[in-house]
Amino acid sequence: GLVAGWIGHPIWADALLLAGAVPVLVAVV
């Protein structure tokens, strides 16, 4: 996500960040 945001692809950046955070959120729930 950081790399995608740095090269100017905010949609991909958000998708990658969500892909990493959501599984952790589900496990913690």
PDB file of all heavy atoms in Angstrom:
ATOM      1  N   GLY A   1       0.812  -1.208   0.000  1.00  0.00           N
ATOM      2  CA  GLY A   1       0.000   0.000   0.000  1.00  0.00           C
ATOM      3  C   GLY A   1       0.846   1.259   0.000  1.00  0.00           C
ATOM      4  O   GLY A   1       0.527   2.236  -0.694  1.00  0.00           O
ATOM      5  N   LEU A   2       1.919   1.262   0.775  1.00  0.00           N
ATOM      6  CA  LEU A   2       2.807   2.431   0.803  1.00  0.00           C
ATOM      7  C   LEU A   2       3.470   2.645  -0.553  1.00  0.00           C
ATOM      8  O   LEU A   2       3.596   3.783  -1.020  1.00  0.00           O
ATOM      9  CB  LEU A   2       3.864   2.252   1.898  1.00  0.00           C
ATOM     10  CG  LEU A   2       3.349   2.302   3.342  1.00  0.00           C
ATOM     11  CD1 LEU A   2       4.472   1.962   4.327  1.00  0.00           C
ATOM     12  CD2 LEU A   2       2.769   3.678   3.659  1.00  0.00           C
ATOM     13  N   VAL A   3       3.889   1.546  -1.172  1.00  0.00           N
ATOM     14  CA  VAL A   3       4.529   1.675  -2.495  1.00  0.00           C
ATOM     15  C   VAL A   3       3.514   2.172  -3.524  1.00  0.00           C
ATOM     16  O   VAL A   3       3.813   3.073  -4.344  1.00  0.00           O
ATOM     17  CB  VAL A   3       5.125   0.322  -2.933  1.00  0.00           C
ATOM     18  CG1 VAL A   3       5.576   0.388  -4.393  1.00  0.00           C
ATOM     19  CG2 VAL A   3       6.290  -0.055  -2.039  1.00  0.00           C
ATOM     20  N   ALA A   4       2.296   1.599  -3.486  1.00  0.00           N
ATOM     21  CA  ALA A   4       1.271   2.016  -4.451  1.00  0.00           C
ATOM     22  C   ALA A   4       0.903   3.484  -4.262  1.00  0.00           C
ATOM     23  O   ALA A   4       0.713   4.233  -5.243  1.00  0.00           O
ATOM     24  CB  ALA A   4       0.024   1.140  -4.292  1.00  0.00           C
ATOM     25  N   GLY A   5       0.788   3.938  -3.047  1.00  0.00           N
ATOM     26  CA  GLY A   5       0.494   5.343  -2.803  1.00  0.00           C
ATOM     27  C   GLY A   5       1.629   6.239  -3.256  1.00  0.00           C
ATOM     28  O   GLY A   5       1.398   7.349  -3.772  1.00  0.00           O
ATOM     29  N   TRP A   6       2.870   5.777  -3.070  1.00  0.00           N
ATOM     30  CA  TRP A   6       4.043   6.596  -3.445  1.00  0.00           C
ATOM     31  C   TRP A   6       4.141   6.791  -4.957  1.00  0.00           C
ATOM     32  O   TRP A   6       4.567   7.841  -5.430  1.00  0.00           O
ATOM     33  CB  TRP A   6       5.296   5.917  -2.904  1.00  0.00           C
ATOM     34  CG  TRP A   6       6.553   6.683  -3.195  1.00  0.00           C
ATOM     35  CD1 TRP A   6       6.886   7.916  -2.757  1.00  0.00           C
ATOM     36  CD2 TRP A   6       7.632   6.237  -4.005  1.00  0.00           C
ATOM     37  NE1 TRP A   6       8.131   8.290  -3.233  1.00  0.00           N
ATOM     38  CE2 TRP A   6       8.610   7.258  -4.000  1.00  0.00           C
ATOM     39  CE3 TRP A   6       7.890   5.066  -4.720  1.00  0.00           C
ATOM     40  CZ2 TRP A   6       9.808   7.154  -4.704  1.00  0.00           C
ATOM     41  CZ3 TRP A   6       9.093   4.962  -5.413  1.00  0.00           C
ATOM     42  CH2 TRP A   6      10.030   5.996  -5.405  1.00  0.00           C
ATOM     43  N   ILE A   7       3.722   5.750  -5.723  1.00  0.00           N
ATOM     44  CA  ILE A   7       3.810   5.859  -7.184  1.00  0.00           C
ATOM     45  C   ILE A   7       2.527   6.408  -7.798  1.00  0.00           C
ATOM     46  O   ILE A   7       2.389   6.447  -9.036  1.00  0.00           O
ATOM     47  CB  ILE A   7       4.154   4.497  -7.822  1.00  0.00           C
ATOM     48  CG1 ILE A   7       3.065   3.470  -7.538  1.00  0.00           C
ATOM     49  CG2 ILE A   7       5.510   4.008  -7.329  1.00  0.00           C
ATOM     50  CD1 ILE A   7       3.307   2.108  -8.208  1.00  0.00           C
ATOM     51  N   GLY A   8       1.557   6.811  -6.956  1.00  0.00           N
ATOM     52  CA  GLY A   8       0.386   7.507  -7.459  1.00  0.00           C
ATOM     53  C   GLY A   8      -0.790   6.637  -7.813  1.00  0.00           C
ATOM     54  O   GLY A   8      -1.534   6.962  -8.756  1.00  0.00           O
ATOM     55  N   HIS A   9      -1.028   5.523  -7.101  1.00  0.00           N
ATOM     56  CA  HIS A   9      -2.183   4.659  -7.329  1.00  0.00           C
ATOM     57  C   HIS A   9      -2.960   4.516  -6.023  1.00  0.00           C
ATOM     58  O   HIS A   9      -2.883   3.486  -5.328  1.00  0.00           O
ATOM     59  CB  HIS A   9      -1.747   3.275  -7.827  1.00  0.00           C
ATOM     60  CG  HIS A   9      -1.127   3.298  -9.185  1.00  0.00           C
ATOM     61  ND1 HIS A   9      -1.872   3.409 -10.344  1.00  0.00           N
ATOM     62  CD2 HIS A   9       0.172   3.254  -9.568  1.00  0.00           C
ATOM     63  CE1 HIS A   9      -1.066   3.398 -11.395  1.00  0.00           C
ATOM     64  NE2 HIS A   9       0.194   3.324 -10.949  1.00  0.00           N
ATOM     65  N   PRO A  10      -3.730   5.549  -5.648  1.00  0.00           N
ATOM     66  CA  PRO A  10      -4.417   5.535  -4.349  1.00  0.00           C
ATOM     67  C   PRO A  10      -5.435   4.410  -4.204  1.00  0.00           C
ATOM     68  O   PRO A  10      -5.625   3.889  -3.102  1.00  0.00           O
ATOM     69  CB  PRO A  10      -5.088   6.909  -4.304  1.00  0.00           C
ATOM     70  CG  PRO A  10      -5.190   7.346  -5.731  1.00  0.00           C
ATOM     71  CD  PRO A  10      -4.007   6.773  -6.425  1.00  0.00           C
ATOM     72  N   ILE A  11      -6.117   4.041  -5.272  1.00  0.00           N
ATOM     73  CA  ILE A  11      -7.119   2.976  -5.180  1.00  0.00           C
ATOM     74  C   ILE A  11      -6.439   1.647  -4.822  1.00  0.00           C
ATOM     75  O   ILE A  11      -6.883   0.899  -3.938  1.00  0.00           O
ATOM     76  CB  ILE A  11      -7.910   2.849  -6.495  1.00  0.00           C
ATOM     77  CG1 ILE A  11      -8.714   4.133  -6.759  1.00  0.00           C
ATOM     78  CG2 ILE A  11      -8.828   1.627  -6.454  1.00  0.00           C
ATOM     79  CD1 ILE A  11      -9.490   4.120  -8.060  1.00  0.00           C
ATOM     80  N   TRP A  12      -5.327   1.349  -5.524  1.00  0.00           N
ATOM     81  CA  TRP A  12      -4.569   0.129  -5.214  1.00  0.00           C
ATOM     82  C   TRP A  12      -3.992   0.203  -3.792  1.00  0.00           C
ATOM     83  O   TRP A  12      -3.938  -0.811  -3.078  1.00  0.00           O
ATOM     84  CB  TRP A  12      -3.442  -0.071  -6.219  1.00  0.00           C
ATOM     85  CG  TRP A  12      -3.893  -0.749  -7.481  1.00  0.00           C
ATOM     86  CD1 TRP A  12      -4.131  -0.177  -8.697  1.00  0.00           C
ATOM     87  CD2 TRP A  12      -4.183  -2.136  -7.613  1.00  0.00           C
ATOM     88  NE1 TRP A  12      -4.553  -1.099  -9.594  1.00  0.00           N
ATOM     89  CE2 TRP A  12      -4.588  -2.335  -8.962  1.00  0.00           C
ATOM     90  CE3 TRP A  12      -4.165  -3.223  -6.753  1.00  0.00           C
ATOM     91  CZ2 TRP A  12      -4.960  -3.584  -9.447  1.00  0.00           C
ATOM     92  CZ3 TRP A  12      -4.514  -4.476  -7.228  1.00  0.00           C
ATOM     93  CH2 TRP A  12      -4.913  -4.650  -8.566  1.00  0.00           C
ATOM     94  N   ALA A  13      -3.554   1.389  -3.413  1.00  0.00           N
ATOM     95  CA  ALA A  13      -2.998   1.554  -2.057  1.00  0.00           C
ATOM     96  C   ALA A  13      -4.041   1.214  -1.003  1.00  0.00           C
ATOM     97  O   ALA A  13      -3.770   0.464  -0.046  1.00  0.00           O
ATOM     98  CB  ALA A  13      -2.487   2.979  -1.871  1.00  0.00           C
ATOM     99  N   ASP A  14      -5.260   1.760  -1.161  1.00  0.00           N
ATOM    100  CA  ASP A  14      -6.320   1.477  -0.192  1.00  0.00           C
ATOM    101  C   ASP A  14      -6.678  -0.011  -0.180  1.00  0.00           C
ATOM    102  O   ASP A  14      -6.901  -0.605   0.881  1.00  0.00           O
ATOM    103  CB  ASP A  14      -7.568   2.306  -0.538  1.00  0.00           C
ATOM    104  CG  ASP A  14      -7.364   3.795  -0.270  1.00  0.00           C
ATOM    105  OD1 ASP A  14      -6.376   4.137   0.413  1.00  0.00           O
ATOM    106  OD2 ASP A  14      -8.188   4.595  -0.744  1.00  0.00           O
ATOM    107  N   ALA A  15      -6.725  -0.616  -1.372  1.00  0.00           N
ATOM    108  CA  ALA A  15      -7.085  -2.035  -1.461  1.00  0.00           C
ATOM    109  C   ALA A  15      -6.055  -2.914  -0.750  1.00  0.00           C
ATOM    110  O   ALA A  15      -6.406  -3.857  -0.021  1.00  0.00           O
ATOM    111  CB  ALA A  15      -7.222  -2.453  -2.927  1.00  0.00           C
ATOM    112  N   LEU A  16      -4.770  -2.610  -0.962  1.00  0.00           N
ATOM    113  CA  LEU A  16      -3.719  -3.409  -0.334  1.00  0.00           C
ATOM    114  C   LEU A  16      -3.710  -3.222   1.185  1.00  0.00           C
ATOM    115  O   LEU A  16      -3.525  -4.185   1.951  1.00  0.00           O
ATOM    116  CB  LEU A  16      -2.357  -3.034  -0.922  1.00  0.00           C
ATOM    117  CG  LEU A  16      -2.127  -3.504  -2.369  1.00  0.00           C
ATOM    118  CD1 LEU A  16      -0.880  -2.861  -2.956  1.00  0.00           C
ATOM    119  CD2 LEU A  16      -1.991  -5.035  -2.407  1.00  0.00           C
ATOM    120  N   LEU A  17      -3.912  -1.988   1.640  1.00  0.00           N
ATOM    121  CA  LEU A  17      -3.950  -1.737   3.080  1.00  0.00           C
ATOM    122  C   LEU A  17      -5.131  -2.455   3.721  1.00  0.00           C
ATOM    123  O   LEU A  17      -5.009  -3.037   4.810  1.00  0.00           O
ATOM    124  CB  LEU A  17      -4.036  -0.233   3.345  1.00  0.00           C
ATOM    125  CG  LEU A  17      -2.790   0.582   2.968  1.00  0.00           C
ATOM    126  CD1 LEU A  17      -3.069   2.074   3.081  1.00  0.00           C
ATOM    127  CD2 LEU A  17      -1.609   0.199   3.870  1.00  0.00           C
ATOM    128  N   LEU A  18      -6.283  -2.427   3.056  1.00  0.00           N
ATOM    129  CA  LEU A  18      -7.446  -3.141   3.571  1.00  0.00           C
ATOM    130  C   LEU A  18      -7.223  -4.646   3.570  1.00  0.00           C
ATOM    131  O   LEU A  18      -7.618  -5.348   4.517  1.00  0.00           O
ATOM    132  CB  LEU A  18      -8.665  -2.814   2.705  1.00  0.00           C
ATOM    133  CG  LEU A  18      -9.474  -1.576   3.096  1.00  0.00           C
ATOM    134  CD1 LEU A  18     -10.564  -1.314   2.061  1.00  0.00           C
ATOM    135  CD2 LEU A  18     -10.090  -1.752   4.483  1.00  0.00           C
ATOM    136  N   ALA A  19      -6.577  -5.158   2.527  1.00  0.00           N
ATOM    137  CA  ALA A  19      -6.319  -6.598   2.436  1.00  0.00           C
ATOM    138  C   ALA A  19      -5.458  -7.087   3.597  1.00  0.00           C
ATOM    139  O   ALA A  19      -5.575  -8.241   4.037  1.00  0.00           O
ATOM    140  CB  ALA A  19      -5.649  -6.926   1.103  1.00  0.00           C
ATOM    141  N   GLY A  20      -4.597  -6.218   4.092  1.00  0.00           N
ATOM    142  CA  GLY A  20      -3.767  -6.589   5.228  1.00  0.00           C
ATOM    143  C   GLY A  20      -4.473  -6.426   6.557  1.00  0.00           C
ATOM    144  O   GLY A  20      -4.297  -7.240   7.476  1.00  0.00           O
ATOM    145  N   ALA A  21      -5.294  -5.373   6.689  1.00  0.00           N
ATOM    146  CA  ALA A  21      -5.902  -5.060   7.978  1.00  0.00           C
ATOM    147  C   ALA A  21      -7.155  -5.873   8.269  1.00  0.00           C
ATOM    148  O   ALA A  21      -7.396  -6.269   9.428  1.00  0.00           O
ATOM    149  CB  ALA A  21      -6.240  -3.570   8.043  1.00  0.00           C
ATOM    150  N   VAL A  22      -7.989  -6.144   7.265  1.00  0.00           N
ATOM    151  CA  VAL A  22      -9.266  -6.803   7.494  1.00  0.00           C
ATOM    152  C   VAL A  22      -9.116  -8.214   8.085  1.00  0.00           C
ATOM    153  O   VAL A  22      -9.834  -8.567   9.037  1.00  0.00           O
ATOM    154  CB  VAL A  22     -10.100  -6.837   6.193  1.00  0.00           C
ATOM    155  CG1 VAL A  22     -11.323  -7.753   6.351  1.00  0.00           C
ATOM    156  CG2 VAL A  22     -10.557  -5.424   5.823  1.00  0.00           C
ATOM    157  N   PRO A  23      -8.201  -9.084   7.559  1.00  0.00           N
ATOM    158  CA  PRO A  23      -8.060 -10.411   8.183  1.00  0.00           C
ATOM    159  C   PRO A  23      -7.683 -10.338   9.663  1.00  0.00           C
ATOM    160  O   PRO A  23      -8.161 -11.140  10.471  1.00  0.00           O
ATOM    161  CB  PRO A  23      -6.950 -11.076   7.363  1.00  0.00           C
ATOM    162  CG  PRO A  23      -7.002 -10.387   6.046  1.00  0.00           C
ATOM    163  CD  PRO A  23      -7.356  -8.966   6.355  1.00  0.00           C
ATOM    164  N   VAL A  24      -6.824  -9.378  10.029  1.00  0.00           N
ATOM    165  CA  VAL A  24      -6.458  -9.209  11.434  1.00  0.00           C
ATOM    166  C   VAL A  24      -7.678  -8.780  12.234  1.00  0.00           C
ATOM    167  O   VAL A  24      -7.910  -9.266  13.350  1.00  0.00           O
ATOM    168  CB  VAL A  24      -5.314  -8.178  11.582  1.00  0.00           C
ATOM    169  CG1 VAL A  24      -5.007  -7.930  13.056  1.00  0.00           C
ATOM    170  CG2 VAL A  24      -4.073  -8.661  10.858  1.00  0.00           C
ATOM    171  N   LEU A  25      -8.483  -7.864  11.670  1.00  0.00           N
ATOM    172  CA  LEU A  25      -9.697  -7.418  12.347  1.00  0.00           C
ATOM    173  C   LEU A  25     -10.643  -8.580  12.600  1.00  0.00           C
ATOM    174  O   LEU A  25     -11.185  -8.721  13.706  1.00  0.00           O
ATOM    175  CB  LEU A  25     -10.394  -6.352  11.497  1.00  0.00           C
ATOM    176  CG  LEU A  25     -11.740  -5.843  12.031  1.00  0.00           C
ATOM    177  CD1 LEU A  25     -11.544  -5.120  13.353  1.00  0.00           C
ATOM    178  CD2 LEU A  25     -12.412  -4.917  11.000  1.00  0.00           C
ATOM    179  N   VAL A  26     -10.836  -9.444  11.602  1.00  0.00           N
ATOM    180  CA  VAL A  26     -11.726 -10.603  11.755  1.00  0.00           C
ATOM    181  C   VAL A  26     -11.215 -11.536  12.855  1.00  0.00           C
ATOM    182  O   VAL A  26     -11.982 -12.014  13.701  1.00  0.00           O
ATOM    183  CB  VAL A  26     -11.847 -11.363  10.419  1.00  0.00           C
ATOM    184  CG1 VAL A  26     -12.631 -12.670  10.612  1.00  0.00           C
ATOM    185  CG2 VAL A  26     -12.535 -10.487   9.368  1.00  0.00           C
ATOM    186  N   ALA A  27      -9.891 -11.793  12.849  1.00  0.00           N
ATOM    187  CA  ALA A  27      -9.315 -12.676  13.863  1.00  0.00           C
ATOM    188  C   ALA A  27      -9.475 -12.100  15.256  1.00  0.00           C
ATOM    189  O   ALA A  27      -9.805 -12.828  16.212  1.00  0.00           O
ATOM    190  CB  ALA A  27      -7.826 -12.915  13.557  1.00  0.00           C
ATOM    191  N   VAL A  28      -9.292 -10.781  15.398  1.00  0.00           N
ATOM    192  CA  VAL A  28      -9.421 -10.151  16.709  1.00  0.00           C
ATOM    193  C   VAL A  28     -10.871 -10.153  17.169  1.00  0.00           C
ATOM    194  O   VAL A  28     -11.159 -10.326  18.366  1.00  0.00           O
ATOM    195  CB  VAL A  28      -8.855  -8.719  16.676  1.00  0.00           C
ATOM    196  CG1 VAL A  28      -9.078  -8.028  18.015  1.00  0.00           C
ATOM    197  CG2 VAL A  28      -7.384  -8.740  16.347  1.00  0.00           C
ATOM    198  N   VAL A  29     -11.808  -9.971  16.236  1.00  0.00           N
ATOM    199  CA  VAL A  29     -13.234 -10.022  16.589  1.00  0.00           C
ATOM    200  C   VAL A  29     -13.583 -11.392  17.166  1.00  0.00           C
ATOM    201  O   VAL A  29     -14.262 -11.502  18.204  1.00  0.00           O
ATOM    202  CB  VAL A  29     -14.106  -9.712  15.359  1.00  0.00           C
ATOM    203  CG1 VAL A  29     -15.566 -10.062  15.639  1.00  0.00           C
ATOM    204  CG2 VAL A  29     -13.997  -8.242  14.983  1.00  0.00           C
TER     205      VAL A  29
END
